[in-house]
Amino acid sequence: MSSSAIQDSPRLSASSLLFAHDAVARPGYERTRLQRGIVHLGLGAFHRAHQALYTDAVIAQGDLRWGILGVSLRDPRVSDVLARQDTLYSVTARHGDEARMRVVGALRGALFAPRDLGQVMAAIADPSVSIVTSTVTEKGYSQHPATADLDIDDADMRHDIAHPESPRTTLGVLAAGIRSRPTGSALTLVCCDNMAGNGDTLRRLLVQYADLFDARLARRIESDIGCPNSMVDRIVPAATPASLDWAAARLGLRDEAAIVCEPFTQWVIEDRFAGLRPAWEDAGALLTSDVRPYQAMKLRLLNGTHSALAYAGQLCGLDTVADAMAHPLTGRFARRLMLEDLHATVAPPPGYDVLAYCHDLLERFENPSLAHRTQQIAMDGTQKIPVRWLPALRESLAAGVERPQLERALASWLHYLATGRSDSGTTLVISDPGADALAARVRQAANDVDAANAALAHGPVFGTQPWPPAFAERLAGHLSTLRHGGMTALLAG
């Protein structure tokens, strides 16, 4: 189907779904009977290809209590597109020539919080809603990256402290909704972002925020609101015009919210809910008493290697993760980083074959069907690196162990921020609100030793605990290599 034919195709909707191609799986339930039991904050592609699919599978088994109200917090485009499509969208799990497409019907509304704030807060306050899930990225929880406490200097957070009735932040929206809920109505908040102890972190930050204007609300959150930790895993690239055209041709309808992702999916949730919940385990999720080993394994091995590939790929002019894995230098770098450095820092769950997990990850990274852009993964590094790399580095250095590939990865990130250019001289698009101050420290240093020490002294990212001088010297050496020979020289050793 040509691009012009795709544009002329009917839009996906409840009425046009009848005309979708026969191979496409459809919702196996009557959507008009679907009740709203979940509110989700952060209506991006990941949620729609992950938690929403698990919930869709539960609904298809006959439990119609768990329709999802999806809420966009920053950008109305996704919620507006979904509203035009009767909140239907397609997800295709693709690897090579194999592809499975399904239309998801679990969404029962799509709102944009700044425009529809009253409806959003009313939904969270509704006692028939017993779950609020969130995927708002690490920076969406108003957490100071160095102290891990509430960032009260953030402009939107200052607004919410002064005006809790008209919030702008994730925490503010949650607190306002909870404040209006009837006493005794059970609510569980399930954070699905890549943060260690994400549920515990969400509870702590929400209590810190509420304490600033309503101590009674803070105590209620502490005692009555469930905040289980969770780990989520699926590679879901942002949509592109090419992926939307491909999906439309396969669907037979125009779907402006279409998602193409990998087949693999995993969800591990701490079984610590305040009240009712969907039987997500019947859809393949794992309920456990301790999520921490799964979180650490995923954050370090998947996310940590992903970030390293992103910065190496950006500096080498490689657009996608698959491109970076296919490149002889960056592909070898990723394998060595994961198998030699990061693997050794992980204590896996009992009975879990972490080495097999590593090899599966590397195979997933090589998936040629996913145009997962290195630029997308490279975003917001000042929020991600303190979680994905620095704990492993701290632990290793404290034990007297060097991590050569991880140290190279750190140097490549600093070089990426400081120069803003690839090795060929192409200007790079750096999207990270916290990057300017760190990059300036590196750029303004008189030499590489000073640059390394200046970077490591940047508390918002590297914390206040001093780093070992020998480590700083090695980092300076890598910065010098990058300055004189680029990534080729850094990775050639």
Protein backbone atom coordinates (compact mmCIF):
# COMPACT_ATOMS: atom_id res chain seq x y z
CA MET A 1 0.00 0.00 0.00
CA SER A 2 1.46 3.36 -1.05
CA SER A 3 1.72 6.33 1.32
CA SER A 4 -1.03 8.12 -0.59
CA ALA A 5 -3.28 5.07 -0.38
CA ILE A 6 -2.60 4.85 3.35
CA GLN A 7 -3.63 8.46 3.83
CA ASP A 8 -6.84 7.74 1.92
CA SER A 9 -7.63 4.67 4.06
CA PRO A 10 -10.34 4.87 6.71
CA ARG A 11 -9.12 5.75 10.19
CA LEU A 12 -9.16 2.99 12.80
CA SER A 13 -12.31 3.32 14.93
CA ALA A 14 -15.00 1.19 16.52
CA SER A 15 -16.99 1.20 13.28
CA SER A 16 -14.10 0.73 10.84
CA LEU A 17 -12.54 -2.14 12.82
CA LEU A 18 -14.87 -4.48 10.93
CA PHE A 19 -12.81 -3.79 7.81
CA ALA A 20 -9.39 -4.58 9.29
CA HIS A 21 -7.46 -7.38 7.63
CA ASP A 22 -8.45 -10.87 8.75
CA ALA A 23 -5.05 -11.70 10.30
CA VAL A 24 -5.38 -8.87 12.83
CA ALA A 25 -6.50 -9.92 16.33
CA ARG A 26 -9.36 -7.85 17.73
CA PRO A 27 -10.68 -7.20 21.25
CA GLY A 28 -12.44 -10.39 22.35
CA TYR A 29 -15.03 -8.64 24.51
CA GLU A 30 -17.86 -6.12 24.32
CA ARG A 31 -16.21 -2.75 24.88
CA THR A 32 -19.48 -1.01 25.69
CA ARG A 33 -19.69 -3.12 28.88
CA LEU A 34 -16.16 -2.25 29.97
CA GLN A 35 -15.96 -0.44 33.32
CA ARG A 36 -13.21 1.95 34.35
CA GLY A 37 -11.02 0.57 37.12
CA ILE A 38 -7.57 1.94 36.25
CA VAL A 39 -6.16 5.41 35.60
CA HIS A 40 -2.83 5.55 33.81
CA LEU A 41 -0.56 8.60 33.86
CA GLY A 42 1.79 8.90 30.89
CA LEU A 43 0.00 7.71 27.76
CA GLY A 44 3.09 6.99 25.68
CA ALA A 45 3.92 4.02 23.52
CA PHE A 46 5.47 1.97 26.30
CA HIS A 47 2.35 1.81 28.44
CA ARG A 48 0.18 1.02 25.46
CA ALA A 49 2.51 -1.82 24.39
CA HIS A 50 3.01 -3.18 27.89
CA GLN A 51 0.67 -2.67 30.89
CA ALA A 52 -2.32 -2.00 28.64
CA LEU A 53 -1.74 -5.30 26.81
CA TYR A 54 -1.57 -7.28 30.04
CA THR A 55 -4.79 -5.59 31.13
CA ASP A 56 -6.40 -6.20 27.74
CA ALA A 57 -5.66 -9.92 28.13
CA VAL A 58 -7.27 -9.96 31.59
CA ILE A 59 -10.35 -8.20 30.22
CA ALA A 60 -10.54 -10.71 27.36
CA GLN A 61 -10.78 -13.49 29.96
CA GLY A 62 -14.06 -11.96 31.13
CA ASP A 63 -13.14 -9.48 33.87
CA LEU A 64 -14.64 -6.25 32.56
CA ARG A 65 -13.82 -4.14 35.63
CA TRP A 66 -10.44 -2.97 34.38
CA GLY A 67 -10.93 -0.47 31.59
CA ILE A 68 -8.16 2.14 31.56
CA LEU A 69 -8.49 5.92 31.50
CA GLY A 70 -5.27 7.08 29.84
CA VAL A 71 -3.86 10.50 30.73
CA SER A 72 -1.21 12.45 28.82
CA LEU A 73 0.60 14.90 31.08
CA ARG A 74 2.79 16.95 28.72
CA ASP A 75 1.60 16.61 25.14
CA PRO A 76 -1.98 16.35 23.87
CA ARG A 77 -1.14 14.68 20.57
CA VAL A 78 -1.41 11.05 21.71
CA SER A 79 -4.60 11.55 23.72
CA ASP A 80 -6.17 13.52 20.87
CA VAL A 81 -5.27 10.86 18.29
CA LEU A 82 -6.66 8.12 20.50
CA ALA A 83 -9.86 10.06 21.11
CA ARG A 84 -10.37 10.32 17.34
CA GLN A 85 -9.91 6.54 17.08
CA ASP A 86 -12.40 5.62 19.83
CA THR A 87 -9.27 4.88 21.94
CA LEU A 88 -8.41 1.90 19.73
CA TYR A 89 -4.86 1.31 18.52
CA SER A 90 -2.73 -1.52 17.18
CA VAL A 91 0.38 -3.18 18.59
CA THR A 92 2.59 -5.34 16.40
CA ALA A 93 5.25 -7.59 17.90
CA ARG A 94 7.86 -7.91 15.17
CA HIS A 95 11.15 -9.74 14.74
CA GLY A 96 12.48 -10.14 11.22
CA ASP A 97 9.76 -11.50 8.97
CA GLU A 98 7.59 -12.60 11.89
CA ALA A 99 4.89 -10.16 13.00
CA ARG A 100 1.76 -10.46 15.14
CA MET A 101 -0.68 -7.55 15.18
CA ARG A 102 -3.56 -6.98 17.57
CA VAL A 103 -5.94 -4.10 18.15
CA VAL A 104 -6.17 -3.17 21.83
CA GLY A 105 -9.48 -2.12 23.35
CA ALA A 106 -8.58 -1.69 27.02
CA LEU A 107 -8.57 2.11 26.95
CA ARG A 108 -11.89 3.66 27.97
CA GLY A 109 -10.88 7.27 27.60
CA ALA A 110 -7.91 9.49 26.78
CA LEU A 111 -7.39 12.86 28.47
CA PHE A 112 -4.78 15.63 28.46
CA ALA A 113 -4.19 16.66 32.07
CA PRO A 114 -3.53 20.41 31.61
CA ARG A 115 -6.75 20.71 29.60
CA ASP A 116 -8.88 18.09 31.37
CA LEU A 117 -7.50 18.42 34.90
CA GLY A 118 -10.87 18.29 36.64
CA GLN A 119 -11.80 15.03 34.92
CA VAL A 120 -8.41 13.50 35.70
CA MET A 121 -8.58 14.35 39.41
CA ALA A 122 -12.20 13.16 39.59
CA ALA A 123 -11.21 9.83 38.05
CA ILE A 124 -8.43 9.28 40.60
CA ALA A 125 -10.90 10.23 43.34
CA ASP A 126 -13.53 7.78 42.05
CA PRO A 127 -13.76 4.83 44.50
CA SER A 128 -14.46 2.46 41.58
CA VAL A 129 -10.89 3.13 40.44
CA SER A 130 -8.56 0.99 42.53
CA ILE A 131 -5.34 1.19 40.47
CA VAL A 132 -3.30 4.13 39.16
CA THR A 133 -0.32 3.13 37.03
CA SER A 134 2.34 5.51 35.75
CA THR A 135 5.02 5.70 33.06
CA VAL A 136 6.22 9.31 33.17
CA THR A 137 10.01 8.61 32.92
CA GLU A 138 12.52 9.06 35.71
CA LYS A 139 12.34 12.84 35.53
CA GLY A 140 8.56 12.84 35.93
CA TYR A 141 8.54 12.34 39.70
CA SER A 142 10.15 15.64 40.77
CA GLN A 143 13.06 13.80 42.36
CA HIS A 144 16.40 15.52 42.85
CA PRO A 145 18.92 13.20 41.13
CA ALA A 146 21.65 13.67 43.76
CA THR A 147 19.67 13.68 47.02
CA ALA A 148 16.85 11.38 45.79
CA ASP A 149 14.44 13.61 47.73
CA LEU A 150 11.70 15.90 46.46
CA ASP A 151 13.11 18.62 44.21
CA ILE A 152 11.42 21.63 45.76
CA ASP A 153 13.40 23.97 43.49
CA ASP A 154 11.70 22.66 40.37
CA ALA A 155 9.41 25.38 38.97
CA ASP A 156 6.38 23.12 38.51
CA MET A 157 6.83 21.64 41.96
CA ARG A 158 6.99 25.11 43.50
CA HIS A 159 3.71 25.87 41.76
CA ASP A 160 2.09 22.69 43.08
CA ILE A 161 3.23 23.38 46.64
CA ALA A 162 1.63 26.82 46.45
CA HIS A 163 -1.45 25.67 44.48
CA PRO A 164 -2.16 21.99 45.25
CA GLU A 165 -5.68 22.36 43.91
CA SER A 166 -4.41 23.03 40.34
CA PRO A 167 -1.39 20.76 39.98
CA ARG A 168 1.07 20.48 37.11
CA THR A 169 3.24 17.58 38.25
CA THR A 170 2.63 13.85 38.51
CA LEU A 171 2.86 14.02 42.29
CA GLY A 172 0.51 16.98 42.39
CA VAL A 173 -2.12 15.25 40.25
CA LEU A 174 -1.92 12.10 42.38
CA ALA A 175 -2.16 13.99 45.67
CA ALA A 176 -5.11 16.08 44.49
CA GLY A 177 -7.00 12.98 43.41
CA ILE A 178 -6.25 11.07 46.61
CA ARG A 179 -7.24 14.09 48.71
CA SER A 180 -10.73 13.93 47.19
CA ARG A 181 -11.21 10.15 47.51
CA PRO A 182 -13.64 8.88 50.13
CA THR A 183 -11.90 7.69 53.26
CA GLY A 184 -11.49 3.94 53.27
CA SER A 185 -11.54 3.48 49.48
CA ALA A 186 -8.50 1.35 48.68
CA LEU A 187 -6.06 2.63 46.07
CA THR A 188 -2.78 1.22 44.75
CA LEU A 189 -0.23 3.25 42.78
CA VAL A 190 1.90 1.10 40.47
CA CYS A 191 4.98 2.96 39.26
CA CYS A 192 6.29 1.36 36.05
CA ASP A 193 9.32 3.56 35.43
CA ASN A 194 12.98 2.54 35.50
CA MET A 195 13.88 3.46 39.06
CA ALA A 196 15.25 1.13 41.71
CA GLY A 197 12.57 0.67 44.35
CA ASN A 198 10.17 2.62 42.15
CA GLY A 199 7.09 2.04 44.31
CA ASP A 200 8.91 2.91 47.52
CA THR A 201 10.36 5.99 45.82
CA LEU A 202 6.95 7.14 44.60
CA ARG A 203 5.43 6.76 48.07
CA ARG A 204 8.31 8.63 49.75
CA LEU A 205 8.21 11.55 47.29
CA LEU A 206 4.42 11.76 47.42
CA VAL A 207 4.49 11.88 51.23
CA GLN A 208 7.22 14.54 51.18
CA TYR A 209 5.12 16.63 48.81
CA ALA A 210 1.86 16.21 50.75
CA ASP A 211 3.60 17.05 54.03
CA LEU A 212 4.30 20.53 52.70
CA PHE A 213 0.62 21.51 52.63
CA ASP A 214 -1.53 18.79 54.25
CA ALA A 215 0.00 16.61 56.97
CA ARG A 216 -3.20 14.58 57.31
CA LEU A 217 -3.05 13.69 53.61
CA ALA A 218 0.58 12.66 54.01
CA ARG A 219 -0.29 10.29 56.85
CA ARG A 220 -3.16 8.85 54.82
CA ILE A 221 -0.81 8.13 51.92
CA GLU A 222 1.63 6.45 54.29
CA SER A 223 -0.97 4.21 55.87
CA ASP A 224 -3.63 3.56 53.23
CA ILE A 225 -2.13 3.76 49.73
CA GLY A 226 -0.41 0.72 48.22
CA CYS A 227 2.81 1.37 46.29
CA PRO A 228 4.29 -1.95 45.14
CA ASN A 229 7.63 -1.99 43.38
CA SER A 230 7.63 -3.29 39.82
CA MET A 231 9.92 -4.08 36.92
CA VAL A 232 8.82 -3.68 33.32
CA ASP A 233 10.65 -4.83 30.22
CA ARG A 234 9.86 -4.43 26.56
CA ILE A 235 11.71 -2.56 23.83
CA VAL A 236 9.20 -0.11 22.35
CA PRO A 237 10.69 2.40 19.89
CA ALA A 238 8.95 5.68 19.21
CA ALA A 239 6.75 5.61 16.13
CA THR A 240 8.11 6.93 12.85
CA PRO A 241 6.35 7.75 9.57
CA ALA A 242 7.79 4.52 8.18
CA SER A 243 6.51 2.40 11.08
CA LEU A 244 3.06 4.01 10.86
CA ASP A 245 2.90 3.31 7.11
CA TRP A 246 4.00 -0.30 7.66
CA ALA A 247 1.37 -0.80 10.37
CA ALA A 248 -1.38 0.77 8.26
CA ALA A 249 -0.60 -1.54 5.35
CA ARG A 250 -0.78 -4.55 7.64
CA LEU A 251 -3.94 -3.36 9.43
CA GLY A 252 -5.78 -2.15 6.36
CA LEU A 253 -6.73 1.02 8.24
CA ARG A 254 -4.94 4.24 9.14
CA ASP A 255 -3.77 4.07 12.76
CA GLU A 256 -1.94 7.18 13.94
CA ALA A 257 -1.28 5.55 17.33
CA ALA A 258 0.17 2.31 15.95
CA ILE A 259 3.07 0.70 17.80
CA VAL A 260 5.69 -1.70 16.44
CA CYS A 261 7.75 -3.36 19.17
CA GLU A 262 9.68 -6.50 19.99
CA PRO A 263 7.92 -9.78 20.89
CA PHE A 264 9.56 -10.06 24.33
CA THR A 265 7.65 -8.67 27.30
CA GLN A 266 8.07 -9.03 31.06
CA TRP A 267 6.35 -7.55 34.10
CA VAL A 268 7.36 -8.37 37.67
CA ILE A 269 5.20 -6.83 40.40
CA GLU A 270 5.52 -6.88 44.16
CA ASP A 271 2.37 -8.45 45.59
CA ARG A 272 1.59 -5.52 47.85
CA PHE A 273 -1.76 -4.05 46.80
CA ALA A 274 -4.12 -2.05 48.98
CA GLY A 275 -7.27 -3.46 47.41
CA LEU A 276 -8.63 -5.01 44.23
CA ARG A 277 -6.36 -5.57 41.24
CA PRO A 278 -6.51 -7.26 37.84
CA ALA A 279 -5.27 -10.85 37.70
CA TRP A 280 -2.25 -9.75 35.69
CA GLU A 281 -0.52 -13.03 36.50
CA ASP A 282 -3.10 -14.76 34.28
CA ALA A 283 -1.75 -12.64 31.42
CA GLY A 284 1.88 -13.56 32.09
CA ALA A 285 3.01 -11.11 34.79
CA LEU A 286 5.00 -12.43 37.74
CA LEU A 287 3.76 -11.54 41.24
CA THR A 288 6.54 -11.83 43.80
CA SER A 289 7.48 -10.77 47.31
CA ASP A 290 10.73 -9.09 46.21
CA VAL A 291 11.18 -7.23 42.93
CA ARG A 292 14.61 -5.78 43.76
CA PRO A 293 16.81 -8.43 42.11
CA TYR A 294 14.74 -8.21 38.92
CA GLN A 295 14.97 -4.41 38.94
CA ALA A 296 18.73 -4.37 39.44
CA MET A 297 19.26 -6.96 36.72
CA LYS A 298 17.16 -5.06 34.21
CA LEU A 299 18.42 -1.57 35.09
CA ARG A 300 22.07 -2.55 34.83
CA LEU A 301 22.10 -5.13 32.07
CA LEU A 302 19.39 -3.89 29.71
CA ASN A 303 19.11 -0.18 30.46
CA GLY A 304 22.79 0.25 31.31
CA THR A 305 23.97 -1.37 28.09
CA HIS A 306 21.28 0.46 26.12
CA SER A 307 22.59 3.81 27.36
CA ALA A 308 26.17 2.86 26.49
CA LEU A 309 25.08 1.86 22.98
CA ALA A 310 23.18 5.12 22.64
CA TYR A 311 26.13 7.40 23.39
CA ALA A 312 28.63 5.28 21.46
CA GLY A 313 26.18 5.11 18.58
CA GLN A 314 25.55 8.84 18.57
CA LEU A 315 29.28 9.59 18.54
CA CYS A 316 29.86 7.06 15.74
CA GLY A 317 26.95 8.28 13.63
CA LEU A 318 24.86 5.13 14.13
CA ASP A 319 21.14 5.86 14.14
CA THR A 320 19.68 2.74 15.75
CA VAL A 321 20.55 0.16 18.37
CA ALA A 322 20.59 -2.54 15.69
CA ASP A 323 23.08 -0.44 13.70
CA ALA A 324 25.27 -0.08 16.78
CA MET A 325 25.14 -3.81 17.49
CA ALA A 326 26.11 -4.58 13.88
CA HIS A 327 29.11 -2.21 13.99
CA PRO A 328 32.28 -4.18 14.83
CA LEU A 329 33.55 -1.75 17.47
CA THR A 330 30.34 -0.66 19.21
CA GLY A 331 28.83 -4.14 19.03
CA ARG A 332 31.90 -5.67 20.67
CA PHE A 333 31.88 -2.86 23.23
CA ALA A 334 28.27 -3.62 24.20
CA ARG A 335 28.96 -7.32 24.57
CA ARG A 336 32.05 -6.76 26.70
CA LEU A 337 30.30 -4.17 28.84
CA MET A 338 27.41 -6.50 29.59
CA LEU A 339 29.25 -9.82 29.89
CA GLU A 340 32.51 -8.67 31.51
CA ASP A 341 31.54 -5.66 33.61
CA LEU A 342 27.83 -5.36 34.36
CA HIS A 343 27.06 -9.07 34.62
CA ALA A 344 29.44 -9.36 37.55
CA THR A 345 27.61 -6.64 39.52
CA VAL A 346 24.21 -8.35 39.48
CA ALA A 347 22.83 -10.73 42.11
CA PRO A 348 20.08 -12.52 40.16
CA PRO A 349 16.84 -13.88 41.61
CA PRO A 350 17.10 -17.45 42.92
CA GLY A 351 17.25 -19.96 40.09
CA TYR A 352 17.59 -17.27 37.42
CA ASP A 353 20.19 -17.88 34.69
CA VAL A 354 21.56 -14.36 34.36
CA LEU A 355 24.09 -15.32 31.68
CA ALA A 356 21.30 -16.68 29.48
CA TYR A 357 19.39 -13.45 30.17
CA CYS A 358 22.42 -11.47 28.93
CA HIS A 359 22.62 -13.42 25.69
CA ASP A 360 18.88 -12.99 25.16
CA LEU A 361 19.27 -9.24 25.66
CA LEU A 362 22.05 -9.01 23.09
CA GLU A 363 19.89 -10.90 20.61
CA ARG A 364 17.00 -8.52 21.31
CA PHE A 365 19.27 -5.52 20.70
CA GLU A 366 20.16 -6.99 17.29
CA ASN A 367 16.51 -7.11 16.15
CA PRO A 368 16.65 -5.50 12.69
CA SER A 369 12.90 -4.84 12.65
CA LEU A 370 13.08 -2.23 15.41
CA ALA A 371 14.28 1.24 14.48
CA HIS A 372 15.09 2.06 18.12
CA ARG A 373 16.95 5.31 17.73
CA THR A 374 20.09 5.93 19.73
CA GLN A 375 19.06 9.59 20.00
CA GLN A 376 15.86 8.59 21.83
CA ILE A 377 17.70 6.38 24.33
CA ALA A 378 20.36 9.06 24.88
CA MET A 379 17.78 11.54 26.21
CA ASP A 380 17.82 12.63 29.88
CA GLY A 381 21.12 10.99 30.75
CA THR A 382 21.58 13.11 33.87
CA GLN A 383 18.50 11.33 35.26
CA LYS A 384 19.34 7.86 33.92
CA ILE A 385 23.08 7.46 34.48
CA PRO A 386 22.87 7.84 38.29
CA VAL A 387 20.56 4.80 38.29
CA ARG A 388 21.92 2.68 35.45
CA TRP A 389 25.73 3.00 35.84
CA LEU A 390 26.86 4.75 38.98
CA PRO A 391 25.69 2.23 41.62
CA ALA A 392 27.60 -0.54 39.84
CA LEU A 393 30.67 1.69 39.62
CA ARG A 394 30.48 2.70 43.28
CA GLU A 395 30.13 -0.89 44.45
CA SER A 396 32.97 -2.12 42.25
CA LEU A 397 35.39 0.65 43.19
CA ALA A 398 34.64 0.12 46.88
CA ALA A 399 35.62 -3.54 46.40
CA GLY A 400 38.82 -2.55 44.59
CA VAL A 401 37.54 -3.78 41.21
CA GLU A 402 37.92 -1.83 37.98
CA ARG A 403 35.20 -1.91 35.34
CA PRO A 404 37.07 -0.89 32.16
CA GLN A 405 34.14 -0.91 29.74
CA LEU A 406 31.80 0.90 32.12
CA GLU A 407 34.46 3.56 32.67
CA ARG A 408 34.76 3.95 28.88
CA ALA A 409 30.98 4.30 28.67
CA LEU A 410 31.03 7.06 31.28
CA ALA A 411 33.78 8.91 29.42
CA SER A 412 31.85 8.63 26.14
CA TRP A 413 28.77 10.16 27.78
CA LEU A 414 30.75 13.10 29.16
CA HIS A 415 32.41 13.60 25.78
CA TYR A 416 29.01 13.46 24.05
CA LEU A 417 27.64 16.16 26.37
CA ALA A 418 30.71 18.38 26.25
CA THR A 419 31.26 18.37 22.49
CA GLY A 420 27.73 17.94 21.16
CA ARG A 421 29.23 16.50 17.99
CA SER A 422 29.80 13.08 16.50
CA ASP A 423 33.30 11.95 15.57
CA SER A 424 32.58 13.05 12.00
CA GLY A 425 31.64 16.56 13.16
CA THR A 426 27.86 16.25 12.87
CA THR A 427 25.98 18.37 15.41
CA LEU A 428 24.06 16.13 17.82
CA VAL A 429 20.63 16.88 19.28
CA ILE A 430 21.01 16.61 23.06
CA SER A 431 17.72 16.48 24.95
CA ASP A 432 18.50 16.63 28.66
CA PRO A 433 17.50 19.60 30.86
CA GLY A 434 20.23 18.75 33.36
CA ALA A 435 23.06 18.47 30.83
CA ASP A 436 24.20 22.08 30.41
CA ALA A 437 25.78 22.51 33.84
CA LEU A 438 27.67 19.22 33.64
CA ALA A 439 28.80 19.81 30.06
CA ALA A 440 30.07 23.28 30.97
CA ARG A 441 32.25 21.83 33.73
CA VAL A 442 33.92 19.48 31.26
CA ARG A 443 34.30 22.08 28.50
CA GLN A 444 35.74 24.77 30.76
CA ALA A 445 38.38 22.57 32.38
CA ALA A 446 42.00 23.39 31.57
CA ASN A 447 42.91 19.77 30.82
CA ASP A 448 41.49 16.25 30.87
CA VAL A 449 42.41 15.61 34.50
CA ASP A 450 40.60 18.76 35.55
CA ALA A 451 37.67 17.81 33.31
CA ALA A 452 37.31 14.40 34.94
CA ASN A 453 37.52 15.81 38.45
CA ALA A 454 35.11 18.65 37.63
CA ALA A 455 32.56 16.19 36.27
CA LEU A 456 32.83 13.85 39.25
CA ALA A 457 32.36 16.83 41.58
CA HIS A 458 29.02 17.67 39.97
CA GLY A 459 26.76 16.69 42.86
CA PRO A 460 23.39 16.62 41.05
CA VAL A 461 24.64 13.63 39.04
CA PHE A 462 27.61 12.08 40.85
CA GLY A 463 26.59 12.76 44.45
CA THR A 464 28.64 14.23 47.25
CA GLN A 465 30.74 11.18 48.17
CA PRO A 466 34.27 11.58 46.72
CA TRP A 467 35.34 9.27 43.91
CA PRO A 468 38.73 7.48 44.13
CA PRO A 469 41.62 9.48 42.58
CA ALA A 470 42.80 6.47 40.57
CA PHE A 471 39.36 6.19 38.97
CA ALA A 472 39.40 9.90 38.11
CA GLU A 473 42.82 9.43 36.48
CA ARG A 474 41.55 6.57 34.32
CA LEU A 475 38.51 8.63 33.36
CA ALA A 476 40.80 11.51 32.38
CA GLY A 477 42.81 9.14 30.19
CA HIS A 478 39.66 8.04 28.38
CA LEU A 479 38.61 11.67 27.86
CA SER A 480 42.03 12.39 26.36
CA THR A 481 41.71 9.40 24.03
CA LEU A 482 38.28 10.59 22.91
CA ARG A 483 39.51 14.12 22.34
CA HIS A 484 42.39 12.99 20.15
CA GLY A 485 41.04 9.89 18.45
CA GLY A 486 37.29 9.68 19.03
CA MET A 487 35.31 6.53 19.76
CA THR A 488 37.37 4.47 17.32
CA ALA A 489 40.46 5.04 19.44
CA LEU A 490 38.59 4.53 22.72
CA LEU A 491 37.08 1.21 21.68
CA ALA A 492 40.03 -0.17 19.75
CA GLY A 493 41.75 -1.36 22.92
